[in-house]
Every structure is written in structure tokens, then in C-alpha cells.
Amino acid sequence: MKLQPRLIKDLATLTESLDCSTVDLARSAGQLAADIDVAVQSVVSISLTVTVDGERFEVSA
């Protein structure tokens, strides 16, 4: 599963606005997609929910 460049850019922007050095949303989404590729032969979509300081962020691809 390949993440679209627009999604990666948007995730990078969100990561910057979080101002948290331990969170990289684009990396997390990319790793999730890579892991799914290894485990599952056909994927329609994925969703990633991240909680930072009690705030939930959900991204779907």
C-alpha cells in the first residue's frame, strides 16, 4: 500500500503543529502501511488514530 504524497505532506504538517518530538505521524502511517503489506495481501484502506496529550487524531488512507 502506497501512501499518497498529499497525505504524507498533511501528516508532516500535523506533526509540526503538535510540537512533540516523539511523534511523527507520517512515519507511523508509513510503518503501518508497510506492516499491513507484509501481513495482508489486499487492503482497501487503513485508519490510524493517535492520542497526544488527551487529543485524538484520526487519519484514513
Protein backbone atom coordinates (compact mmCIF):
# COMPACT_ATOMS: atom_id res chain seq x y z
CA MET A 1 0.00 0.00 0.00
CA LYS A 2 1.47 3.33 -1.06
CA LEU A 3 0.55 6.48 0.84
CA GLN A 4 -0.25 9.45 -1.34
CA PRO A 5 2.23 12.35 -1.28
CA ARG A 6 -0.55 14.74 -0.23
CA LEU A 7 -1.33 12.60 2.83
CA ILE A 8 2.35 12.41 3.79
CA LYS A 9 2.64 16.20 3.48
CA ASP A 10 -0.50 16.76 5.56
CA LEU A 11 0.75 14.36 8.23
CA ALA A 12 4.07 16.20 8.35
CA THR A 13 2.20 19.48 8.83
CA LEU A 14 0.14 17.96 11.64
CA THR A 15 3.28 16.57 13.26
CA GLU A 16 4.87 20.03 13.24
CA SER A 17 1.80 21.60 14.84
CA LEU A 18 1.84 19.00 17.64
CA ASP A 19 5.20 20.37 18.81
CA CYS A 20 6.08 16.95 20.21
CA SER A 21 9.48 15.49 19.33
CA THR A 22 8.37 11.90 19.96
CA VAL A 23 5.50 11.92 17.42
CA ASP A 24 5.96 11.50 13.66
CA LEU A 25 2.58 10.85 12.08
CA ALA A 26 3.91 10.32 8.55
CA ARG A 27 6.42 7.74 9.80
CA SER A 28 3.75 5.97 11.87
CA ALA A 29 1.35 5.81 8.93
CA GLY A 30 4.12 4.63 6.60
CA GLN A 31 5.18 1.90 9.02
CA LEU A 32 1.58 0.79 9.46
CA ALA A 33 1.11 0.57 5.68
CA ALA A 34 4.36 -1.41 5.30
CA ASP A 35 3.38 -3.82 8.08
CA ILE A 36 -0.05 -4.33 6.53
CA ASP A 37 1.55 -5.07 3.14
CA VAL A 38 3.55 -7.87 4.75
CA ALA A 39 0.59 -9.31 6.66
CA VAL A 40 -2.34 -8.88 4.26
CA GLN A 41 -2.45 -9.45 0.51
CA SER A 42 -5.21 -6.97 -0.32
CA VAL A 43 -6.07 -3.83 1.62
CA VAL A 44 -8.80 -1.33 0.79
CA SER A 45 -7.99 1.29 3.42
CA ILE A 46 -6.31 1.90 6.76
CA SER A 47 -7.04 4.22 9.65
CA LEU A 48 -4.58 5.48 12.21
CA THR A 49 -5.67 7.03 15.49
CA VAL A 50 -3.05 8.80 17.59
CA THR A 51 -3.64 10.25 21.06
CA VAL A 52 -1.39 13.13 22.12
CA ASP A 53 -1.99 14.93 25.40
CA GLY A 54 -5.52 13.52 25.51
CA GLU A 55 -6.34 14.75 21.98
CA ARG A 56 -7.25 12.12 19.38
CA PHE A 57 -6.24 12.47 15.73
CA GLU A 58 -7.52 10.03 13.12
CA VAL A 59 -6.16 9.66 9.60
CA SER A 60 -7.56 7.35 6.95
CA ALA A 61 -5.88 6.29 3.74
